[in-house]
Amino acid sequence: MADSPEIEPAEHAEGGPRKPFLEHLEDLRMALIKCAVVIFVALIACLFLDDKLAAILEYPIRRMHLLDQPRPTVTFQLGSLRFGPYEVTRDQFAGLPAGDSPHVVFKVGMTKVGGEQVVTLKLDPLADPGATRIKLRNLNPAEGFMVAFHIALYGSLVVSAPFWLYFLGQFILPALRVRERRFLFIWLGWGVFLFLLGVLLTYFVLLPLALRASIEYSTLLGFDAYEWRADEYISFTCKFLLGMGLGFQFPLVVLTLVKLGILHYHQLAHFRRHVIVGAFILGAILTTPEVITQVAMAVPLCLLYEVCIWLAWFWERKQRRLETAAAG
C-alpha cells in the first residue's frame, strides 16, 4: 500500500511546489533577466531626462543659501557671461535695491556720453541672480558622457525599483509559508518607509549642511572651493543618499533579531553606548568628517535605536503576560 502524503500544519502550508535545484536556478535566471531588462529600459528613458535628474541632484547646492547669513550679493552679466555673485555692502555699492539681503543682477553695457564710451549698469529685475557661487565643471571631453551615464544609471535603479522588486518577489514568495510572507510584507513596508525617511532627511537637511561645511573648511584653509567636478559631486551625493537610506534600515535588523529571540531588551539597553559610538563612526564614514554632519546623522540613528529598545521591552512584557495567563 502506498504511503499517504504527509500533511503539513496550516502555518507551513502554501510553501509553493517543490522543484529540482536546476529548475530553481532557471527561475532565478529568468528573474534576473527581467530585472536587467526593466533597468535597461529605465536607463534609456532616464538618458532623455538627464537635465531634469541633474537639476534634482543640484538642488542641495541651491538650498545652501538657506544656511548662510543674509548678505547682499551682486552679479554682473555681460552678454551670456556672468560674474559673481559677489558679497557687497551698501557702502560699497549704492545701487542695491531695498531689503536686508537683496540678490540682484546688473547688465553691463556701453553708451556714448560726450563723445566717450562709458560703462553702464542696468538692473535686470527678471533675472535669477543665483543663490550660490558653486559651479559644477567637466574637465575633459569624455567626462560629460560619463556624468550623463552615471545620472541616468542612478535614476534608472530608482525608477525601476518597483518592477525589479516585483520580479524578485515572484521568485522568493513561492518558497515562503503564509506566516513568513506576512512578515516579509510588513518588513518590506517599514523598510521602504525608513529608506525614504533617511533619503529625504539627507536631501533637505544633511546634504546642504555637509556641502556648506566643506566650503567653510576650504575657505578656512585659504583654498577656493567654488568649482567642483560634476562627476565627483554626483557620485558623492548619490552615495550619501543611498548610505543614509540603508543606515535607516538598522532598526529593522535589530527588531528582527529581537523577534527571533537572538537579542533581548536588557541586551539592547546594555549596548546603547556602543551603538552611540558606532553611529558617530558611521556618520564620519558616510558624510564629510566634521562635527555638524556627524551629529546630524548620529542623532536620528540613536533615536531609532531607542525606539527599538522600548519596542523590545513592550514585546517581552506582552509575552510574559500571555505566558502568565496561559499558566493560570
C-alpha atoms as a PDB file:
ATOM      1  CA  MET A   1       0.000   0.000   0.000  1.00  0.00           C
ATOM      2  CA  ALA A   2       1.417   3.380  -0.976  1.00  0.00           C
ATOM      3  CA  ASP A   3       2.238   5.746   1.804  1.00  0.00           C
ATOM      4  CA  SER A   4      -0.279   8.614   2.169  1.00  0.00           C
ATOM      5  CA  PRO A   5       1.166  12.105   1.505  1.00  0.00           C
ATOM      6  CA  GLU A   6       2.376  13.947   4.544  1.00  0.00           C
ATOM      7  CA  ILE A   7       0.055  16.800   5.551  1.00  0.00           C
ATOM      8  CA  GLU A   8       1.797  19.962   6.728  1.00  0.00           C
ATOM      9  CA  PRO A   9       0.416  22.182   9.501  1.00  0.00           C
ATOM     10  CA  ALA A  10      -1.561  25.241   8.447  1.00  0.00           C
ATOM     11  CA  GLU A  11       1.231  27.652   9.267  1.00  0.00           C
ATOM     12  CA  HIS A  12       3.545  25.668   6.974  1.00  0.00           C
ATOM     13  CA  ALA A  13       1.046  25.495   4.085  1.00  0.00           C
ATOM     14  CA  GLU A  14       1.349  27.219   0.746  1.00  0.00           C
ATOM     15  CA  GLY A  15       5.075  26.870   0.609  1.00  0.00           C
ATOM     16  CA  GLY A  16       4.979  26.540  -3.170  1.00  0.00           C
ATOM     17  CA  PRO A  17       5.684  23.487  -5.327  1.00  0.00           C
ATOM     18  CA  ARG A  18       8.924  21.656  -4.752  1.00  0.00           C
ATOM     19  CA  LYS A  19      11.289  21.835  -7.712  1.00  0.00           C
ATOM     20  CA  PRO A  20      14.675  20.367  -8.545  1.00  0.00           C
ATOM     21  CA  PHE A  21      17.687  22.557  -7.924  1.00  0.00           C
ATOM     22  CA  LEU A  22      18.268  23.212 -11.634  1.00  0.00           C
ATOM     23  CA  GLU A  23      14.691  24.455 -12.065  1.00  0.00           C
ATOM     24  CA  HIS A  24      15.219  26.902  -9.206  1.00  0.00           C
ATOM     25  CA  LEU A  25      18.351  28.147 -10.969  1.00  0.00           C
ATOM     26  CA  GLU A  26      16.339  28.588 -14.173  1.00  0.00           C
ATOM     27  CA  ASP A  27      13.685  30.589 -12.289  1.00  0.00           C
ATOM     28  CA  LEU A  28      16.401  32.770 -10.755  1.00  0.00           C
ATOM     29  CA  ARG A  29      17.983  33.317 -14.168  1.00  0.00           C
ATOM     30  CA  MET A  30      14.646  34.429 -15.649  1.00  0.00           C
ATOM     31  CA  ALA A  31      14.005  36.772 -12.726  1.00  0.00           C
ATOM     32  CA  LEU A  32      17.437  38.371 -13.126  1.00  0.00           C
ATOM     33  CA  ILE A  33      16.918  38.755 -16.886  1.00  0.00           C
ATOM     34  CA  LYS A  34      13.586  40.512 -16.290  1.00  0.00           C
ATOM     35  CA  CYS A  35      15.262  42.813 -13.744  1.00  0.00           C
ATOM     36  CA  ALA A  36      18.054  43.638 -16.192  1.00  0.00           C
ATOM     37  CA  VAL A  37      15.528  44.403 -18.958  1.00  0.00           C
ATOM     38  CA  VAL A  38      13.463  46.836 -16.875  1.00  0.00           C
ATOM     39  CA  ILE A  39      16.611  48.566 -15.590  1.00  0.00           C
ATOM     40  CA  PHE A  40      17.900  48.900 -19.173  1.00  0.00           C
ATOM     41  CA  VAL A  41      14.580  50.360 -20.389  1.00  0.00           C
ATOM     42  CA  ALA A  42      14.565  52.784 -17.458  1.00  0.00           C
ATOM     43  CA  LEU A  43      18.186  53.697 -18.242  1.00  0.00           C
ATOM     44  CA  ILE A  44      17.270  54.642 -21.823  1.00  0.00           C
ATOM     45  CA  ALA A  45      14.329  56.723 -20.578  1.00  0.00           C
ATOM     46  CA  CYS A  46      16.479  58.484 -17.958  1.00  0.00           C
ATOM     47  CA  LEU A  47      19.077  59.413 -20.584  1.00  0.00           C
ATOM     48  CA  PHE A  48      16.413  61.623 -22.173  1.00  0.00           C
ATOM     49  CA  LEU A  49      15.636  63.158 -18.761  1.00  0.00           C
ATOM     50  CA  ASP A  50      19.229  63.759 -17.681  1.00  0.00           C
ATOM     51  CA  ASP A  51      18.767  67.530 -17.400  1.00  0.00           C
ATOM     52  CA  LYS A  52      15.780  67.075 -15.049  1.00  0.00           C
ATOM     53  CA  LEU A  53      17.627  64.495 -12.918  1.00  0.00           C
ATOM     54  CA  ALA A  54      20.728  66.717 -12.789  1.00  0.00           C
ATOM     55  CA  ALA A  55      18.584  69.624 -11.544  1.00  0.00           C
ATOM     56  CA  ILE A  56      17.236  67.383  -8.764  1.00  0.00           C
ATOM     57  CA  LEU A  57      20.760  66.412  -7.683  1.00  0.00           C
ATOM     58  CA  GLU A  58      21.913  70.048  -7.818  1.00  0.00           C
ATOM     59  CA  TYR A  59      19.079  71.249  -5.586  1.00  0.00           C
ATOM     60  CA  PRO A  60      21.091  70.809  -2.335  1.00  0.00           C
ATOM     61  CA  ILE A  61      23.636  73.278  -3.769  1.00  0.00           C
ATOM     62  CA  ARG A  62      20.918  75.850  -4.392  1.00  0.00           C
ATOM     63  CA  ARG A  63      19.494  75.171  -0.931  1.00  0.00           C
ATOM     64  CA  MET A  64      22.776  76.005   0.790  1.00  0.00           C
ATOM     65  CA  HIS A  65      21.953  79.727   0.790  1.00  0.00           C
ATOM     66  CA  LEU A  66      19.303  78.997   3.461  1.00  0.00           C
ATOM     67  CA  LEU A  67      22.154  78.108   5.818  1.00  0.00           C
ATOM     68  CA  ASP A  68      24.007  81.372   5.186  1.00  0.00           C
ATOM     69  CA  GLN A  69      23.685  84.650   6.979  1.00  0.00           C
ATOM     70  CA  PRO A  70      21.633  87.067   4.826  1.00  0.00           C
ATOM     71  CA  ARG A  71      24.138  89.166   2.860  1.00  0.00           C
ATOM     72  CA  PRO A  72      23.573  91.326  -0.216  1.00  0.00           C
ATOM     73  CA  THR A  73      25.125  89.982  -3.413  1.00  0.00           C
ATOM     74  CA  VAL A  74      25.633  91.472  -6.856  1.00  0.00           C
ATOM     75  CA  THR A  75      26.029  89.593 -10.149  1.00  0.00           C
ATOM     76  CA  PHE A  76      27.243  91.265 -13.353  1.00  0.00           C
ATOM     77  CA  GLN A  77      26.074  89.937 -16.700  1.00  0.00           C
ATOM     78  CA  LEU A  78      27.966  90.732 -19.891  1.00  0.00           C
ATOM     79  CA  GLY A  79      26.166  89.109 -22.797  1.00  0.00           C
ATOM     80  CA  SER A  80      25.911  85.403 -21.941  1.00  0.00           C
ATOM     81  CA  LEU A  81      28.709  85.595 -19.342  1.00  0.00           C
ATOM     82  CA  ARG A  82      28.079  86.045 -15.641  1.00  0.00           C
ATOM     83  CA  PHE A  83      30.481  87.253 -12.981  1.00  0.00           C
ATOM     84  CA  GLY A  84      29.559  86.691  -9.361  1.00  0.00           C
ATOM     85  CA  PRO A  85      27.608  86.713  -7.184  1.00  0.00           C
ATOM     86  CA  TYR A  86      29.856  88.988  -5.081  1.00  0.00           C
ATOM     87  CA  GLU A  87      29.095  89.850  -1.470  1.00  0.00           C
ATOM     88  CA  VAL A  88      28.859  93.612  -1.030  1.00  0.00           C
ATOM     89  CA  THR A  89      27.625  96.217   1.417  1.00  0.00           C
ATOM     90  CA  ARG A  90      25.538  99.301   0.756  1.00  0.00           C
ATOM     91  CA  ASP A  91      28.587 101.454   1.452  1.00  0.00           C
ATOM     92  CA  GLN A  92      30.491  99.627  -1.292  1.00  0.00           C
ATOM     93  CA  PHE A  93      27.625  99.513  -3.790  1.00  0.00           C
ATOM     94  CA  ALA A  94      24.997 102.235  -3.648  1.00  0.00           C
ATOM     95  CA  GLY A  95      22.834 100.728  -6.401  1.00  0.00           C
ATOM     96  CA  LEU A  96      21.305  97.986  -4.244  1.00  0.00           C
ATOM     97  CA  PRO A  97      17.505  97.943  -4.023  1.00  0.00           C
ATOM     98  CA  ALA A  98      15.632  97.957  -0.726  1.00  0.00           C
ATOM     99  CA  GLY A  99      15.738  94.889   1.505  1.00  0.00           C
ATOM    100  CA  ASP A 100      18.006  93.242   4.072  1.00  0.00           C
ATOM    101  CA  SER A 101      19.800  90.911   1.657  1.00  0.00           C
ATOM    102  CA  PRO A 102      18.955  91.640  -1.986  1.00  0.00           C
ATOM    103  CA  HIS A 103      20.419  89.367  -4.665  1.00  0.00           C
ATOM    104  CA  VAL A 104      20.490  91.401  -7.865  1.00  0.00           C
ATOM    105  CA  VAL A 105      21.821  91.134 -11.413  1.00  0.00           C
ATOM    106  CA  PHE A 106      23.165  94.137 -13.322  1.00  0.00           C
ATOM    107  CA  LYS A 107      23.558  94.019 -17.094  1.00  0.00           C
ATOM    108  CA  VAL A 108      26.853  95.550 -18.205  1.00  0.00           C
ATOM    109  CA  GLY A 109      26.647  97.726 -21.303  1.00  0.00           C
ATOM    110  CA  MET A 110      28.302 100.620 -23.099  1.00  0.00           C
ATOM    111  CA  THR A 111      26.966 104.021 -24.071  1.00  0.00           C
ATOM    112  CA  LYS A 112      28.473 107.190 -25.516  1.00  0.00           C
ATOM    113  CA  VAL A 113      28.478 110.262 -23.286  1.00  0.00           C
ATOM    114  CA  GLY A 114      30.120 113.442 -24.553  1.00  0.00           C
ATOM    115  CA  GLY A 115      31.945 111.570 -27.277  1.00  0.00           C
ATOM    116  CA  GLU A 116      33.358 108.955 -24.851  1.00  0.00           C
ATOM    117  CA  GLN A 117      32.348 105.342 -24.257  1.00  0.00           C
ATOM    118  CA  VAL A 118      31.073 104.826 -20.714  1.00  0.00           C
ATOM    119  CA  VAL A 119      30.283 101.543 -18.954  1.00  0.00           C
ATOM    120  CA  THR A 120      26.662 101.333 -17.807  1.00  0.00           C
ATOM    121  CA  LEU A 121      24.919  99.077 -15.305  1.00  0.00           C
ATOM    122  CA  LYS A 122      21.236  98.282 -15.730  1.00  0.00           C
ATOM    123  CA  LEU A 123      19.265  96.391 -13.107  1.00  0.00           C
ATOM    124  CA  ASP A 124      17.586  93.284 -14.527  1.00  0.00           C
ATOM    125  CA  PRO A 125      14.533  92.651 -12.262  1.00  0.00           C
ATOM    126  CA  LEU A 126      13.575  89.403 -14.043  1.00  0.00           C
ATOM    127  CA  ALA A 127      16.957  87.694 -13.858  1.00  0.00           C
ATOM    128  CA  ASP A 128      17.717  84.907 -11.418  1.00  0.00           C
ATOM    129  CA  PRO A 129      20.847  86.014  -9.572  1.00  0.00           C
ATOM    130  CA  GLY A 130      21.626  82.539  -8.278  1.00  0.00           C
ATOM    131  CA  ALA A 131      21.972  81.678  -4.602  1.00  0.00           C
ATOM    132  CA  THR A 132      25.469  80.261  -4.655  1.00  0.00           C
ATOM    133  CA  ARG A 133      28.747  80.587  -6.456  1.00  0.00           C
ATOM    134  CA  ILE A 134      29.230  76.826  -6.750  1.00  0.00           C
ATOM    135  CA  LYS A 135      29.910  75.719 -10.313  1.00  0.00           C
ATOM    136  CA  LEU A 136      29.998  72.095 -11.460  1.00  0.00           C
ATOM    137  CA  ARG A 137      32.619  71.509 -14.156  1.00  0.00           C
ATOM    138  CA  ASN A 138      33.508  68.768 -16.635  1.00  0.00           C
ATOM    139  CA  LEU A 139      37.283  68.844 -17.005  1.00  0.00           C
ATOM    140  CA  ASN A 140      37.771  66.566 -20.030  1.00  0.00           C
ATOM    141  CA  PRO A 141      35.809  65.735 -23.212  1.00  0.00           C
ATOM    142  CA  ALA A 142      34.688  62.283 -22.068  1.00  0.00           C
ATOM    143  CA  GLU A 143      33.561  63.409 -18.627  1.00  0.00           C
ATOM    144  CA  GLY A 144      30.297  64.869 -19.939  1.00  0.00           C
ATOM    145  CA  PHE A 145      29.250  61.458 -21.289  1.00  0.00           C
ATOM    146  CA  MET A 146      30.255  59.724 -18.049  1.00  0.00           C
ATOM    147  CA  VAL A 147      28.303  62.198 -15.905  1.00  0.00           C
ATOM    148  CA  ALA A 148      25.215  61.772 -18.093  1.00  0.00           C
ATOM    149  CA  PHE A 149      25.526  57.970 -17.877  1.00  0.00           C
ATOM    150  CA  HIS A 150      26.002  57.945 -14.105  1.00  0.00           C
ATOM    151  CA  ILE A 151      22.984  60.203 -13.543  1.00  0.00           C
ATOM    152  CA  ALA A 152      20.844  58.017 -15.807  1.00  0.00           C
ATOM    153  CA  LEU A 153      22.103  54.831 -14.113  1.00  0.00           C
ATOM    154  CA  TYR A 154      21.287  56.047 -10.596  1.00  0.00           C
ATOM    155  CA  GLY A 155      17.923  57.307 -11.823  1.00  0.00           C
ATOM    156  CA  SER A 156      17.086  54.027 -13.578  1.00  0.00           C
ATOM    157  CA  LEU A 157      17.736  51.996 -10.421  1.00  0.00           C
ATOM    158  CA  VAL A 158      15.279  54.200  -8.507  1.00  0.00           C
ATOM    159  CA  VAL A 159      12.612  54.437 -11.217  1.00  0.00           C
ATOM    160  CA  SER A 160      12.627  50.714 -11.970  1.00  0.00           C
ATOM    161  CA  ALA A 161      12.747  49.647  -8.296  1.00  0.00           C
ATOM    162  CA  PRO A 162       9.026  48.657  -8.080  1.00  0.00           C
ATOM    163  CA  PHE A 163       9.432  46.405 -11.118  1.00  0.00           C
ATOM    164  CA  TRP A 164      12.651  44.563 -10.206  1.00  0.00           C
ATOM    165  CA  LEU A 165      11.434  44.164  -6.636  1.00  0.00           C
ATOM    166  CA  TYR A 166       8.263  42.584  -8.042  1.00  0.00           C
ATOM    167  CA  PHE A 167      10.238  40.164 -10.230  1.00  0.00           C
ATOM    168  CA  LEU A 168      12.466  39.175  -7.321  1.00  0.00           C
ATOM    169  CA  GLY A 169       9.354  38.724  -5.204  1.00  0.00           C
ATOM    170  CA  GLN A 170       7.921  36.348  -7.816  1.00  0.00           C
ATOM    171  CA  PHE A 171      10.988  34.162  -7.306  1.00  0.00           C
ATOM    172  CA  ILE A 172      11.153  34.343  -3.495  1.00  0.00           C
ATOM    173  CA  LEU A 173       7.486  34.334  -2.364  1.00  0.00           C
ATOM    174  CA  PRO A 174       6.501  30.852  -3.625  1.00  0.00           C
ATOM    175  CA  ALA A 175       9.136  29.338  -1.319  1.00  0.00           C
ATOM    176  CA  LEU A 176       7.715  31.079   1.772  1.00  0.00           C
ATOM    177  CA  ARG A 177       4.932  29.947   4.041  1.00  0.00           C
ATOM    178  CA  VAL A 178       1.919  32.129   4.844  1.00  0.00           C
ATOM    179  CA  ARG A 179       3.361  33.413   8.112  1.00  0.00           C
ATOM    180  CA  GLU A 180       6.722  34.120   6.513  1.00  0.00           C
ATOM    181  CA  ARG A 181       5.067  36.032   3.659  1.00  0.00           C
ATOM    182  CA  ARG A 182       3.128  38.178   6.125  1.00  0.00           C
ATOM    183  CA  PHE A 183       6.309  39.009   7.990  1.00  0.00           C
ATOM    184  CA  LEU A 184       8.123  39.803   4.721  1.00  0.00           C
ATOM    185  CA  PHE A 185       5.415  42.229   3.575  1.00  0.00           C
ATOM    186  CA  ILE A 186       5.450  44.038   6.931  1.00  0.00           C
ATOM    187  CA  TRP A 187       9.254  44.213   6.856  1.00  0.00           C
ATOM    188  CA  LEU A 188       9.228  45.486   3.268  1.00  0.00           C
ATOM    189  CA  GLY A 189       6.656  48.188   4.027  1.00  0.00           C
ATOM    190  CA  TRP A 190       8.571  49.542   7.009  1.00  0.00           C
ATOM    191  CA  GLY A 191      11.844  49.208   5.095  1.00  0.00           C
ATOM    192  CA  VAL A 192      10.564  51.398   2.246  1.00  0.00           C
ATOM    193  CA  PHE A 193       9.225  53.964   4.742  1.00  0.00           C
ATOM    194  CA  LEU A 194      12.502  54.178   6.675  1.00  0.00           C
ATOM    195  CA  PHE A 195      14.549  54.285   3.459  1.00  0.00           C
ATOM    196  CA  LEU A 196      12.529  57.232   2.125  1.00  0.00           C
ATOM    197  CA  LEU A 197      12.725  58.942   5.519  1.00  0.00           C
ATOM    198  CA  GLY A 198      16.523  58.680   5.527  1.00  0.00           C
ATOM    199  CA  VAL A 199      16.823  59.874   1.920  1.00  0.00           C
ATOM    200  CA  LEU A 200      14.518  62.882   2.412  1.00  0.00           C
ATOM    201  CA  LEU A 201      16.232  63.895   5.667  1.00  0.00           C
ATOM    202  CA  THR A 202      19.591  63.751   3.908  1.00  0.00           C
ATOM    203  CA  TYR A 203      18.394  65.525   0.758  1.00  0.00           C
ATOM    204  CA  PHE A 204      16.800  68.505   2.503  1.00  0.00           C
ATOM    205  CA  VAL A 205      18.937  68.831   5.662  1.00  0.00           C
ATOM    206  CA  LEU A 206      22.146  66.809   5.933  1.00  0.00           C
ATOM    207  CA  LEU A 207      23.472  67.210   2.392  1.00  0.00           C
ATOM    208  CA  PRO A 208      23.238  71.032   2.336  1.00  0.00           C
ATOM    209  CA  LEU A 209      24.910  71.047   5.760  1.00  0.00           C
ATOM    210  CA  ALA A 210      27.727  68.816   4.530  1.00  0.00           C
ATOM    211  CA  LEU A 211      28.296  70.898   1.395  1.00  0.00           C
ATOM    212  CA  ARG A 212      28.320  74.150   3.364  1.00  0.00           C
ATOM    213  CA  ALA A 213      30.760  72.658   5.876  1.00  0.00           C
ATOM    214  CA  SER A 214      33.062  71.610   3.019  1.00  0.00           C
ATOM    215  CA  ILE A 215      33.126  75.166   1.677  1.00  0.00           C
ATOM    216  CA  GLU A 216      33.768  76.671   5.108  1.00  0.00           C
ATOM    217  CA  TYR A 217      36.692  74.332   5.793  1.00  0.00           C
ATOM    218  CA  SER A 218      38.231  75.039   2.390  1.00  0.00           C
ATOM    219  CA  THR A 219      37.869  78.780   2.961  1.00  0.00           C
ATOM    220  CA  LEU A 220      39.445  78.419   6.398  1.00  0.00           C
ATOM    221  CA  LEU A 221      42.461  76.759   4.768  1.00  0.00           C
ATOM    222  CA  GLY A 222      42.689  79.507   2.170  1.00  0.00           C
ATOM    223  CA  PHE A 223      41.535  77.387  -0.795  1.00  0.00           C
ATOM    224  CA  ASP A 224      38.962  78.249  -3.434  1.00  0.00           C
ATOM    225  CA  ALA A 225      36.019  75.827  -3.012  1.00  0.00           C
ATOM    226  CA  TYR A 226      33.538  77.110  -5.577  1.00  0.00           C
ATOM    227  CA  GLU A 227      34.362  74.850  -8.534  1.00  0.00           C
ATOM    228  CA  TRP A 228      33.704  71.126  -8.240  1.00  0.00           C
ATOM    229  CA  ARG A 229      33.995  68.237 -10.667  1.00  0.00           C
ATOM    230  CA  ALA A 230      30.472  67.248 -11.715  1.00  0.00           C
ATOM    231  CA  ASP A 231      31.212  63.505 -11.713  1.00  0.00           C
ATOM    232  CA  GLU A 232      32.602  63.558  -8.172  1.00  0.00           C
ATOM    233  CA  TYR A 233      29.693  65.655  -6.891  1.00  0.00           C
ATOM    234  CA  ILE A 234      27.118  63.308  -8.458  1.00  0.00           C
ATOM    235  CA  SER A 235      28.857  60.225  -7.011  1.00  0.00           C
ATOM    236  CA  PHE A 236      29.188  61.808  -3.555  1.00  0.00           C
ATOM    237  CA  THR A 237      25.538  62.909  -3.492  1.00  0.00           C
ATOM    238  CA  CYS A 238      24.110  59.578  -4.656  1.00  0.00           C
ATOM    239  CA  LYS A 239      26.288  57.529  -2.288  1.00  0.00           C
ATOM    240  CA  PHE A 240      25.404  59.837   0.608  1.00  0.00           C
ATOM    241  CA  LEU A 241      21.662  59.475  -0.078  1.00  0.00           C
ATOM    242  CA  LEU A 242      21.943  55.698  -0.531  1.00  0.00           C
ATOM    243  CA  GLY A 243      24.091  55.315   2.598  1.00  0.00           C
ATOM    244  CA  MET A 244      21.598  57.173   4.767  1.00  0.00           C
ATOM    245  CA  GLY A 245      18.683  55.227   3.312  1.00  0.00           C
ATOM    246  CA  LEU A 246      20.439  51.965   4.137  1.00  0.00           C
ATOM    247  CA  GLY A 247      21.500  53.278   7.545  1.00  0.00           C
ATOM    248  CA  PHE A 248      17.839  53.801   8.429  1.00  0.00           C
ATOM    249  CA  GLN A 249      17.275  50.059   7.926  1.00  0.00           C
ATOM    250  CA  PHE A 250      19.187  49.480  11.181  1.00  0.00           C
ATOM    251  CA  PRO A 251      16.029  49.343  13.370  1.00  0.00           C
ATOM    252  CA  LEU A 252      14.569  46.602  11.169  1.00  0.00           C
ATOM    253  CA  VAL A 253      17.668  44.472  11.638  1.00  0.00           C
ATOM    254  CA  VAL A 254      17.586  44.976  15.413  1.00  0.00           C
ATOM    255  CA  LEU A 255      13.856  44.239  15.750  1.00  0.00           C
ATOM    256  CA  THR A 256      14.159  41.139  13.547  1.00  0.00           C
ATOM    257  CA  LEU A 257      16.872  39.796  15.878  1.00  0.00           C
ATOM    258  CA  VAL A 258      14.560  40.548  18.811  1.00  0.00           C
ATOM    259  CA  LYS A 259      11.681  38.647  17.187  1.00  0.00           C
ATOM    260  CA  LEU A 260      13.980  35.686  16.541  1.00  0.00           C
ATOM    261  CA  GLY A 261      14.997  35.667  20.207  1.00  0.00           C
ATOM    262  CA  ILE A 262      18.662  36.430  19.490  1.00  0.00           C
ATOM    263  CA  LEU A 263      18.545  39.807  21.249  1.00  0.00           C
ATOM    264  CA  HIS A 264      16.562  40.875  24.314  1.00  0.00           C
ATOM    265  CA  TYR A 265      15.573  44.137  25.944  1.00  0.00           C
ATOM    266  CA  HIS A 266      18.352  44.088  28.564  1.00  0.00           C
ATOM    267  CA  GLN A 267      20.982  43.360  25.906  1.00  0.00           C
ATOM    268  CA  LEU A 268      19.799  46.277  23.784  1.00  0.00           C
ATOM    269  CA  ALA A 269      19.939  48.607  26.772  1.00  0.00           C
ATOM    270  CA  HIS A 270      23.427  47.332  27.628  1.00  0.00           C
ATOM    271  CA  PHE A 271      24.753  48.017  24.124  1.00  0.00           C
ATOM    272  CA  ARG A 272      23.326  51.560  23.995  1.00  0.00           C
ATOM    273  CA  ARG A 273      26.746  53.225  24.470  1.00  0.00           C
ATOM    274  CA  HIS A 274      28.316  51.042  21.788  1.00  0.00           C
ATOM    275  CA  VAL A 275      25.576  51.982  19.313  1.00  0.00           C
ATOM    276  CA  ILE A 276      26.091  55.699  20.004  1.00  0.00           C
ATOM    277  CA  VAL A 277      29.802  55.378  19.226  1.00  0.00           C
ATOM    278  CA  GLY A 278      29.018  53.309  16.139  1.00  0.00           C
ATOM    279  CA  ALA A 279      26.515  55.927  14.914  1.00  0.00           C
ATOM    280  CA  PHE A 280      29.176  58.649  15.067  1.00  0.00           C
ATOM    281  CA  ILE A 281      31.670  56.391  13.283  1.00  0.00           C
ATOM    282  CA  LEU A 282      29.073  55.714  10.571  1.00  0.00           C
ATOM    283  CA  GLY A 283      28.485  59.459  10.308  1.00  0.00           C
ATOM    284  CA  ALA A 284      32.206  60.015   9.768  1.00  0.00           C
ATOM    285  CA  ILE A 285      32.274  57.384   7.012  1.00  0.00           C
ATOM    286  CA  LEU A 286      29.161  58.465   5.096  1.00  0.00           C
ATOM    287  CA  THR A 287      29.500  62.244   5.465  1.00  0.00           C
ATOM    288  CA  THR A 288      32.220  64.850   5.468  1.00  0.00           C
ATOM    289  CA  PRO A 289      34.489  64.344   8.509  1.00  0.00           C
ATOM    290  CA  GLU A 290      33.264  67.213  10.670  1.00  0.00           C
ATOM    291  CA  VAL A 291      31.084  67.517  13.754  1.00  0.00           C
ATOM    292  CA  ILE A 292      27.909  69.089  12.357  1.00  0.00           C
ATOM    293  CA  THR A 293      27.007  66.400   9.842  1.00  0.00           C
ATOM    294  CA  GLN A 294      28.197  63.582  12.120  1.00  0.00           C
ATOM    295  CA  VAL A 295      25.836  64.784  14.854  1.00  0.00           C
ATOM    296  CA  ALA A 296      23.025  65.361  12.347  1.00  0.00           C
ATOM    297  CA  MET A 297      23.345  61.758  11.160  1.00  0.00           C
ATOM    298  CA  ALA A 298      24.092  60.095  14.507  1.00  0.00           C
ATOM    299  CA  VAL A 299      21.157  61.640  16.399  1.00  0.00           C
ATOM    300  CA  PRO A 300      18.394  60.097  14.210  1.00  0.00           C
ATOM    301  CA  LEU A 301      20.090  56.679  14.339  1.00  0.00           C
ATOM    302  CA  CYS A 302      20.368  56.866  18.133  1.00  0.00           C
ATOM    303  CA  LEU A 303      16.699  57.886  18.419  1.00  0.00           C
ATOM    304  CA  LEU A 304      15.675  54.967  16.223  1.00  0.00           C
ATOM    305  CA  TYR A 305      17.712  52.624  18.438  1.00  0.00           C
ATOM    306  CA  GLU A 306      15.898  53.973  21.496  1.00  0.00           C
ATOM    307  CA  VAL A 307      12.603  53.168  19.781  1.00  0.00           C
ATOM    308  CA  CYS A 308      13.894  49.612  19.255  1.00  0.00           C
ATOM    309  CA  ILE A 309      14.692  49.307  22.975  1.00  0.00           C
ATOM    310  CA  TRP A 310      11.195  50.375  24.008  1.00  0.00           C
ATOM    311  CA  LEU A 311       9.554  48.087  21.447  1.00  0.00           C
ATOM    312  CA  ALA A 312      11.630  45.151  22.686  1.00  0.00           C
ATOM    313  CA  TRP A 313      10.558  45.955  26.270  1.00  0.00           C
ATOM    314  CA  PHE A 314       6.910  46.130  25.208  1.00  0.00           C
ATOM    315  CA  TRP A 315       7.072  42.829  23.305  1.00  0.00           C
ATOM    316  CA  GLU A 316       8.761  40.995  26.200  1.00  0.00           C
ATOM    317  CA  ARG A 317       6.222  42.414  28.688  1.00  0.00           C
ATOM    318  CA  LYS A 318       3.353  41.304  26.438  1.00  0.00           C
ATOM    319  CA  GLN A 319       4.882  37.823  26.072  1.00  0.00           C
ATOM    320  CA  ARG A 320       5.241  37.452  29.850  1.00  0.00           C
ATOM    321  CA  ARG A 321       1.588  38.388  30.329  1.00  0.00           C
ATOM    322  CA  LEU A 322       0.484  35.797  27.764  1.00  0.00           C
ATOM    323  CA  GLU A 323       2.603  33.107  29.442  1.00  0.00           C
ATOM    324  CA  THR A 324       1.222  34.054  32.863  1.00  0.00           C
ATOM    325  CA  ALA A 325      -2.352  33.939  31.564  1.00  0.00           C
ATOM    326  CA  ALA A 326      -1.741  30.545  29.921  1.00  0.00           C
ATOM    327  CA  ALA A 327      -0.198  29.132  33.095  1.00  0.00           C
ATOM    328  CA  GLY A 328      -3.069  30.408  35.228  1.00  0.00           C
END
